[in-house]
């Protein structure tokens, strides 16, 4: 009898071991449809511009499955996806849920797992470019709208899910062009949500203003020659050094982000002084040169901010250290917040091994569902 019990125990342990290392408490999540959709979206390598069309195909399919009317706009050549959940009172300003489908490039040799595989490790962390910036919130928006449709919930306000093609390169052919169109004005946007920041603790972050990017390319001219010569007025003297060969021209890029309190005219005067000091041979061109970034007011007069605070989460506000598409809406006078439901998460935006934990991702769907419902049912304009 004792021998039989021992054999049974051994067989049970053996069977468990055959399940493999992924058979842990997180494995069940891989079978959930929202997780499957998220991983499918990650696997579209939108660091390559030619793959944006595949992301559009993905969104068209999602809209058709949910039953959301949609339109694809291309005011400046790149596609913008807009799906709409109609509200019961179209006279009320609508809510815009914005994200972007493009992601920054990767060096695959630096990653623990392939960056476009959507691999989930034994800790439940899903790795992939875009898992934090911003394919996570795109799917979380989608799943919230999917639930409203499934449960036959009609909100007072119309909700627009918008997905932009080129946030990472400045939005020139995406949101910057779109907000100038009559189609955008017809959306009647009253408030917008967009990408936010991961938080390392239990709180969640809301950004209300973006820093202004000044990305400047300086081209410095001078006397060229051999590295052993001692020429005067070389480009290297003015803008850097080069071994062995003294170049007659050097180019460098300065990426500067202006704080909200910085005076753009004063900063421009500083840049102009650099040009004067290096001489007439120095040229300056701007990759990005944003002079205005208006804030969204955070007080009790802002019903959208009050609604976010009352959603049952702890939110702290801060200045966005970078720049997002939403800056363009704020500059039109539309209140907008950068918000992401990623607490207890190490920020890996634009870094190697970008990830989000599967439970954090799923909790984010619940948070957005409640938040969007509350925003959509605000009846004061």
Protein backbone atom coordinates (compact mmCIF):
# COMPACT_ATOMS: atom_id res chain seq x y z
CA UNK A 1 0.00 0.00 0.00
CA UNK A 2 2.78 2.44 0.87
CA UNK A 3 4.54 1.62 -2.36
CA UNK A 4 1.37 2.40 -4.31
CA UNK A 5 1.02 5.78 -2.62
CA UNK A 6 4.59 6.64 -3.40
CA UNK A 7 4.12 5.68 -7.04
CA UNK A 8 0.98 7.79 -7.30
CA UNK A 9 2.80 10.79 -5.86
CA UNK A 10 5.63 10.39 -8.33
CA UNK A 11 3.20 10.15 -11.23
CA UNK A 12 1.40 13.31 -10.14
CA UNK A 13 4.62 15.29 -9.90
CA UNK A 14 5.75 13.95 -13.26
CA UNK A 15 2.49 15.01 -14.92
CA UNK A 16 2.80 18.56 -13.55
CA UNK A 17 6.37 18.88 -14.77
CA UNK A 18 5.29 17.90 -18.28
CA UNK A 19 3.06 20.99 -18.40
CA UNK A 20 6.19 23.10 -18.97
CA UNK A 21 7.51 26.30 -17.36
CA UNK A 22 4.68 28.52 -18.62
CA UNK A 23 2.01 26.55 -16.78
CA UNK A 24 1.82 28.94 -13.83
CA UNK A 25 -0.82 31.28 -12.52
CA UNK A 26 -0.34 33.64 -15.48
CA UNK A 27 -0.72 31.06 -18.24
CA UNK A 28 -4.53 31.24 -18.18
CA UNK A 29 -4.40 34.86 -19.32
CA UNK A 30 -2.95 33.90 -22.68
CA UNK A 31 -6.32 32.34 -23.52
CA UNK A 32 -8.24 35.58 -22.91
CA UNK A 33 -9.36 37.39 -26.05
CA UNK A 34 -8.18 40.87 -24.94
CA UNK A 35 -4.69 39.46 -24.34
CA UNK A 36 -4.76 37.66 -27.68
CA UNK A 37 -5.71 40.88 -29.44
CA UNK A 38 -3.02 42.81 -27.61
CA UNK A 39 -0.34 40.31 -28.61
CA UNK A 40 -1.57 40.32 -32.21
CA UNK A 41 -1.25 44.10 -32.29
CA UNK A 42 2.26 43.99 -30.79
CA UNK A 43 3.30 41.57 -33.55
CA UNK A 44 2.64 44.19 -36.22
CA UNK A 45 6.06 45.83 -36.56
CA UNK A 46 4.94 49.43 -36.89
CA UNK A 47 8.47 50.72 -36.43
CA UNK A 48 8.46 50.23 -40.21
CA UNK A 49 6.30 52.75 -42.04
CA UNK A 50 5.26 50.20 -44.65
CA UNK A 51 3.52 48.18 -41.92
CA UNK A 52 1.18 50.97 -40.85
CA UNK A 53 -1.29 49.66 -43.43
CA UNK A 54 -1.36 46.34 -41.58
CA UNK A 55 -2.20 48.17 -38.36
CA UNK A 56 -5.06 49.91 -40.17
CA UNK A 57 -6.32 46.51 -41.36
CA UNK A 58 -6.19 45.33 -37.74
CA UNK A 59 -8.29 48.29 -36.58
CA UNK A 60 -10.81 47.95 -39.39
CA UNK A 61 -11.33 44.32 -38.42
CA UNK A 62 -11.76 45.23 -34.74
CA UNK A 63 -14.34 47.92 -35.54
CA UNK A 64 -16.31 45.50 -37.71
CA UNK A 65 -16.27 42.84 -34.99
CA UNK A 66 -17.48 45.27 -32.33
CA UNK A 67 -19.98 46.97 -34.61
CA UNK A 68 -18.46 50.44 -34.51
CA UNK A 69 -18.76 52.72 -37.54
CA UNK A 70 -15.33 53.90 -38.62
CA UNK A 71 -13.52 56.07 -41.14
CA UNK A 72 -9.92 56.14 -42.31
CA UNK A 73 -8.69 59.65 -43.08
CA UNK A 74 -5.44 60.63 -44.79
CA UNK A 75 -5.29 64.44 -44.89
CA UNK A 76 -1.51 64.42 -45.37
CA UNK A 77 -0.95 60.99 -46.90
CA UNK A 78 -0.72 58.85 -43.76
CA UNK A 79 -3.82 56.97 -42.54
CA UNK A 80 -5.71 58.00 -39.40
CA UNK A 81 -8.26 55.58 -37.96
CA UNK A 82 -11.41 56.89 -36.26
CA UNK A 83 -14.12 54.62 -34.81
CA UNK A 84 -17.22 55.97 -33.10
CA UNK A 85 -19.55 54.85 -30.34
CA UNK A 86 -22.63 57.01 -30.77
CA UNK A 87 -24.03 58.71 -27.66
CA UNK A 88 -27.66 59.35 -26.85
CA UNK A 89 -27.19 63.14 -26.97
CA UNK A 90 -25.05 64.19 -29.95
CA UNK A 91 -25.36 67.85 -28.92
CA UNK A 92 -22.97 67.18 -26.03
CA UNK A 93 -19.23 67.57 -26.73
CA UNK A 94 -17.69 64.19 -27.47
CA UNK A 95 -14.86 62.31 -25.78
CA UNK A 96 -11.72 61.47 -27.78
CA UNK A 97 -9.64 58.41 -26.88
CA UNK A 98 -6.35 58.90 -28.68
CA UNK A 99 -3.30 56.70 -29.19
CA UNK A 100 -0.75 56.07 -31.92
CA UNK A 101 0.06 52.93 -33.88
CA UNK A 102 3.67 53.78 -34.77
CA UNK A 103 6.51 52.71 -32.47
CA UNK A 104 10.19 53.58 -32.32
CA UNK A 105 12.86 51.34 -33.81
CA UNK A 106 14.65 48.61 -31.88
CA UNK A 107 18.04 46.95 -31.69
CA UNK A 108 16.94 43.33 -31.41
CA UNK A 109 20.32 42.24 -30.04
CA UNK A 110 19.63 44.20 -26.83
CA UNK A 111 16.33 42.47 -26.06
CA UNK A 112 15.80 39.39 -23.91
CA UNK A 113 12.95 38.29 -26.20
CA UNK A 114 12.08 39.20 -29.80
CA UNK A 115 10.62 42.74 -29.64
CA UNK A 116 7.68 42.00 -31.93
CA UNK A 117 6.71 38.57 -30.59
CA UNK A 118 4.54 39.64 -27.65
CA UNK A 119 6.23 37.03 -25.46
CA UNK A 120 4.94 36.58 -21.89
CA UNK A 121 7.48 35.33 -19.35
CA UNK A 122 6.92 33.31 -16.17
CA UNK A 123 6.23 36.51 -14.21
CA UNK A 124 3.33 37.48 -16.47
CA UNK A 125 5.28 40.31 -18.13
CA UNK A 126 4.40 40.75 -21.82
CA UNK A 127 7.44 42.04 -23.73
CA UNK A 128 7.33 43.94 -26.98
CA UNK A 129 7.86 47.31 -28.58
CA UNK A 130 4.72 49.34 -27.97
CA UNK A 131 3.58 47.51 -24.85
CA UNK A 132 3.94 50.80 -22.96
CA UNK A 133 3.90 53.26 -25.86
CA UNK A 134 1.01 53.02 -26.77
CA UNK A 135 -0.44 49.75 -28.00
CA UNK A 136 -1.59 48.89 -24.48
CA UNK A 137 -3.97 51.82 -24.12
CA UNK A 138 -5.23 51.35 -27.69
CA UNK A 139 -6.47 47.86 -26.83
CA UNK A 140 -7.73 48.95 -23.42
CA UNK A 141 -9.86 51.64 -25.09
CA UNK A 142 -11.13 49.05 -27.56
CA UNK A 143 -12.06 46.54 -24.89
CA UNK A 144 -13.99 49.16 -22.95
CA UNK A 145 -16.03 50.07 -26.03
CA UNK A 146 -16.48 46.39 -26.81
CA UNK A 147 -18.02 45.87 -23.36
CA UNK A 148 -20.43 48.78 -23.81
CA UNK A 149 -21.63 47.33 -27.09
CA UNK A 150 -21.92 43.81 -25.67
CA UNK A 151 -23.90 45.02 -22.65
CA UNK A 152 -26.07 47.38 -24.73
CA UNK A 153 -24.85 50.39 -22.74
CA UNK A 154 -25.46 53.75 -24.40
CA UNK A 155 -23.56 56.70 -22.99
CA UNK A 156 -24.82 60.26 -23.15
CA UNK A 157 -21.79 61.50 -25.06
CA UNK A 158 -20.35 60.15 -28.27
CA UNK A 159 -16.96 58.47 -27.92
CA UNK A 160 -14.34 58.62 -30.69
CA UNK A 161 -11.45 56.15 -30.70
CA UNK A 162 -8.65 57.69 -32.76
CA UNK A 163 -5.36 56.05 -33.76
CA UNK A 164 -2.60 58.22 -35.23
CA UNK A 165 0.18 57.10 -37.62
CA UNK A 166 3.25 59.21 -36.79
CA UNK A 167 3.36 60.48 -33.20
CA UNK A 168 6.92 59.30 -32.76
CA UNK A 169 8.13 61.52 -35.60
CA UNK A 170 6.17 64.60 -34.53
CA UNK A 171 2.66 64.06 -35.90
CA UNK A 172 3.15 66.23 -38.99
CA UNK A 173 1.21 63.89 -41.28
CA UNK A 174 -1.13 62.69 -38.56
CA UNK A 175 -2.77 64.78 -35.88
CA UNK A 176 -1.26 68.11 -36.99
CA UNK A 177 -2.90 67.72 -40.38
CA UNK A 178 -6.09 66.14 -39.04
CA UNK A 179 -7.01 68.94 -36.62
CA UNK A 180 -7.10 71.39 -39.53
CA UNK A 181 -9.83 69.46 -41.35
CA UNK A 182 -13.57 69.92 -41.29
CA UNK A 183 -13.87 66.22 -40.49
CA UNK A 184 -12.05 66.77 -37.21
CA UNK A 185 -14.19 69.79 -36.35
CA UNK A 186 -17.29 67.69 -37.00
CA UNK A 187 -16.21 65.31 -34.22
CA UNK A 188 -17.07 68.08 -31.71
CA UNK A 189 -14.37 67.06 -29.23
CA UNK A 190 -14.94 68.32 -25.70
CA UNK A 191 -12.22 66.37 -23.92
CA UNK A 192 -9.44 63.96 -24.86
CA UNK A 193 -7.36 61.25 -23.27
CA UNK A 194 -3.98 60.20 -24.64
CA UNK A 195 -0.83 58.40 -23.59
CA UNK A 196 0.60 58.92 -20.13
CA UNK A 197 3.47 57.72 -17.99
CA UNK A 198 4.12 54.51 -16.09
CA UNK A 199 4.25 54.84 -12.32
CA UNK A 200 6.63 52.92 -10.09
CA UNK A 201 4.21 52.86 -7.14
CA UNK A 202 0.50 52.38 -6.48
CA UNK A 203 -0.47 55.78 -7.87
CA UNK A 204 -1.28 56.63 -11.48
CA UNK A 205 -0.03 59.69 -13.33
CA UNK A 206 -2.00 62.30 -15.27
CA UNK A 207 -0.08 64.81 -17.38
CA UNK A 208 -1.69 68.17 -18.10
CA UNK A 209 0.95 69.93 -20.19
CA UNK A 210 3.83 68.77 -22.43
CA UNK A 211 7.33 70.12 -22.71
CA UNK A 212 8.04 71.83 -26.03
CA UNK A 213 10.54 70.04 -28.28
CA UNK A 214 13.22 72.06 -30.01
CA UNK A 215 15.22 69.63 -32.11
CA UNK A 216 17.93 71.63 -33.83
CA UNK A 217 20.44 70.55 -36.46
CA UNK A 218 23.58 72.70 -36.49
CA UNK A 219 25.90 72.49 -39.50
CA UNK A 220 29.31 74.03 -38.76
CA UNK A 221 31.73 74.94 -41.57
CA UNK A 222 35.48 75.51 -41.28
CA UNK A 223 38.95 74.81 -42.66
CA UNK A 224 39.55 71.11 -43.36
CA UNK A 225 42.82 69.19 -43.54
CA UNK A 226 44.95 66.38 -42.12
CA UNK A 227 44.68 65.57 -38.45
CA UNK A 228 48.40 66.28 -37.97
CA UNK A 229 48.11 69.86 -39.22
CA UNK A 230 47.30 72.80 -37.03
CA UNK A 231 44.82 74.74 -39.13
CA UNK A 232 42.89 77.69 -37.82
CA UNK A 233 39.12 78.15 -37.82
CA UNK A 234 38.33 74.43 -38.23
CA UNK A 235 34.81 73.11 -37.97
CA UNK A 236 36.00 70.93 -35.08
CA UNK A 237 37.00 74.01 -33.08
CA UNK A 238 33.48 75.32 -33.44
CA UNK A 239 31.46 72.13 -33.06
CA UNK A 240 33.41 69.06 -31.97
CA UNK A 241 36.47 66.94 -32.76
CA UNK A 242 37.36 64.29 -35.32
CA UNK A 243 40.42 62.02 -35.15
CA UNK A 244 43.02 61.98 -37.92
CA UNK A 245 40.99 64.01 -40.41
CA UNK A 246 39.85 67.52 -39.79
CA UNK A 247 36.47 67.84 -41.52
CA UNK A 248 35.43 70.98 -43.30
CA UNK A 249 31.87 70.45 -42.09
CA UNK A 250 30.35 69.00 -38.94
CA UNK A 251 26.70 68.39 -38.16
CA UNK A 252 25.17 67.84 -34.74
CA UNK A 253 21.63 67.61 -33.44
CA UNK A 254 20.52 69.16 -30.15
CA UNK A 255 17.27 67.85 -28.66
CA UNK A 256 16.02 70.41 -26.15
CA UNK A 257 12.69 70.24 -24.28
CA UNK A 258 11.39 73.57 -22.96
CA UNK A 259 9.80 73.56 -19.51
CA UNK A 260 6.32 75.12 -19.26
CA UNK A 261 7.71 78.21 -17.51
CA UNK A 262 10.50 78.75 -20.07
CA UNK A 263 10.12 81.84 -22.27
CA UNK A 264 10.40 80.79 -25.92
CA UNK A 265 11.71 84.22 -26.96
CA UNK A 266 14.50 84.05 -24.39
CA UNK A 267 15.49 80.56 -25.50
CA UNK A 268 15.46 81.69 -29.12
CA UNK A 269 17.78 84.59 -28.21
CA UNK A 270 20.14 82.07 -26.58
CA UNK A 271 20.19 79.88 -29.68
CA UNK A 272 20.80 82.92 -31.87
CA UNK A 273 23.77 83.84 -29.67
CA UNK A 274 25.28 80.39 -30.32
CA UNK A 275 25.05 81.04 -34.05
CA UNK A 276 26.73 84.42 -33.73
CA UNK A 277 29.57 82.98 -31.65
CA UNK A 278 30.38 80.20 -34.11
CA UNK A 279 30.42 82.58 -37.08
CA UNK A 280 28.64 83.11 -40.36
CA UNK A 281 29.43 79.64 -41.64
CA UNK A 282 27.11 77.94 -39.15
CA UNK A 283 23.68 76.89 -40.37
CA UNK A 284 20.65 75.96 -38.27
CA UNK A 285 17.60 73.97 -39.30
CA UNK A 286 14.78 72.78 -37.06
CA UNK A 287 13.53 69.22 -37.01
CA UNK A 288 10.88 70.29 -34.47
CA UNK A 289 10.33 73.77 -33.15
CA UNK A 290 7.24 73.95 -30.93
CA UNK A 291 6.88 77.35 -29.31
CA UNK A 292 3.49 76.86 -27.62
CA UNK A 293 2.22 74.16 -25.25
CA UNK A 294 -0.89 75.23 -23.38
CA UNK A 295 -1.86 73.49 -20.11
CA UNK A 296 -5.15 71.93 -19.13
CA UNK A 297 -6.41 73.47 -15.90
CA UNK A 298 -6.53 71.05 -12.97
CA UNK A 299 -9.05 72.28 -10.46
CA UNK A 300 -12.70 71.73 -9.58
CA UNK A 301 -13.78 73.82 -12.57
CA UNK A 302 -12.56 71.01 -14.82
CA UNK A 303 -15.26 68.34 -14.64
CA UNK A 304 -13.12 65.89 -16.59
CA UNK A 305 -10.28 66.11 -14.06
CA UNK A 306 -12.77 65.73 -11.20
CA UNK A 307 -14.21 62.65 -12.91
CA UNK A 308 -10.77 61.07 -13.27
CA UNK A 309 -9.99 61.69 -9.60
CA UNK A 310 -13.31 60.12 -8.58
CA UNK A 311 -12.84 56.92 -10.56
CA UNK A 312 -11.55 55.01 -7.55
CA UNK A 313 -7.83 55.32 -8.23
CA UNK A 314 -5.11 57.51 -6.75
CA UNK A 315 -3.95 60.00 -9.37
CA UNK A 316 -1.12 62.51 -9.20
CA UNK A 317 -0.51 65.19 -11.78
CA UNK A 318 2.76 66.14 -13.42
CA UNK A 319 4.28 67.81 -16.46
CA UNK A 320 4.94 65.41 -19.31
CA UNK A 321 8.74 65.41 -19.76
CA UNK A 322 8.34 64.66 -23.46
CA UNK A 323 5.77 65.62 -26.11
CA UNK A 324 2.70 63.75 -27.34
CA UNK A 325 0.04 64.24 -29.99
CA UNK A 326 -2.32 65.62 -27.36
CA UNK A 327 -0.36 68.90 -27.13
CA UNK A 328 -1.96 69.89 -30.42
CA UNK A 329 -5.47 69.53 -28.95
CA UNK A 330 -4.60 71.54 -25.86
CA UNK A 331 -3.30 74.30 -28.10
CA UNK A 332 -6.78 74.44 -29.67
CA UNK A 333 -8.26 75.01 -26.21
CA UNK A 334 -9.54 71.44 -25.83
CA UNK A 335 -8.93 70.09 -22.31
CA UNK A 336 -6.88 66.91 -22.47
CA UNK A 337 -5.00 64.63 -20.11
CA UNK A 338 -2.26 62.12 -20.66
CA UNK A 339 -3.22 59.10 -18.60
CA UNK A 340 -2.10 55.48 -18.48
CA UNK A 341 -3.28 52.82 -16.06
CA UNK A 342 0.22 51.46 -15.45
CA UNK A 343 1.03 51.47 -11.73
CA UNK A 344 3.92 49.55 -10.15
CA UNK A 345 5.60 49.44 -13.55
CA UNK A 346 9.15 50.39 -14.47
CA UNK A 347 9.06 52.82 -17.36
CA UNK A 348 10.60 51.25 -20.47
CA UNK A 349 9.28 53.72 -23.05
CA UNK A 350 11.73 53.79 -25.99
CA UNK A 351 14.05 51.48 -24.03
CA UNK A 352 15.04 47.87 -24.53
CA UNK A 353 12.84 45.14 -23.01
CA UNK A 354 9.69 47.27 -22.99
CA UNK A 355 6.95 45.36 -21.19
CA UNK A 356 3.67 45.45 -19.29
CA UNK A 357 2.45 42.89 -16.80
CA UNK A 358 -0.62 41.00 -18.01
CA UNK A 359 -2.54 41.68 -14.78
CA UNK A 360 -1.70 45.39 -15.01
CA UNK A 361 -2.93 45.35 -18.60
CA UNK A 362 -6.21 43.66 -17.65
CA UNK A 363 -6.76 45.94 -14.68
CA UNK A 364 -6.27 48.85 -17.07
CA UNK A 365 -9.24 47.64 -19.11
CA UNK A 366 -11.41 47.75 -16.00
CA UNK A 367 -10.16 51.24 -15.09
CA UNK A 368 -10.73 52.63 -18.57
CA UNK A 369 -14.17 51.02 -18.77
CA UNK A 370 -15.25 52.81 -15.60
CA UNK A 371 -13.54 56.08 -16.53
CA UNK A 372 -14.93 56.22 -20.06
CA UNK A 373 -18.40 55.40 -18.77
CA UNK A 374 -18.21 58.24 -16.25
CA UNK A 375 -16.81 60.71 -18.79
CA UNK A 376 -19.38 59.67 -21.36
CA UNK A 377 -22.26 60.26 -18.98
CA UNK A 378 -21.28 63.80 -18.00
CA UNK A 379 -24.26 65.89 -19.01
CA UNK A 380 -22.76 69.34 -18.45
CA UNK A 381 -21.10 70.72 -21.54
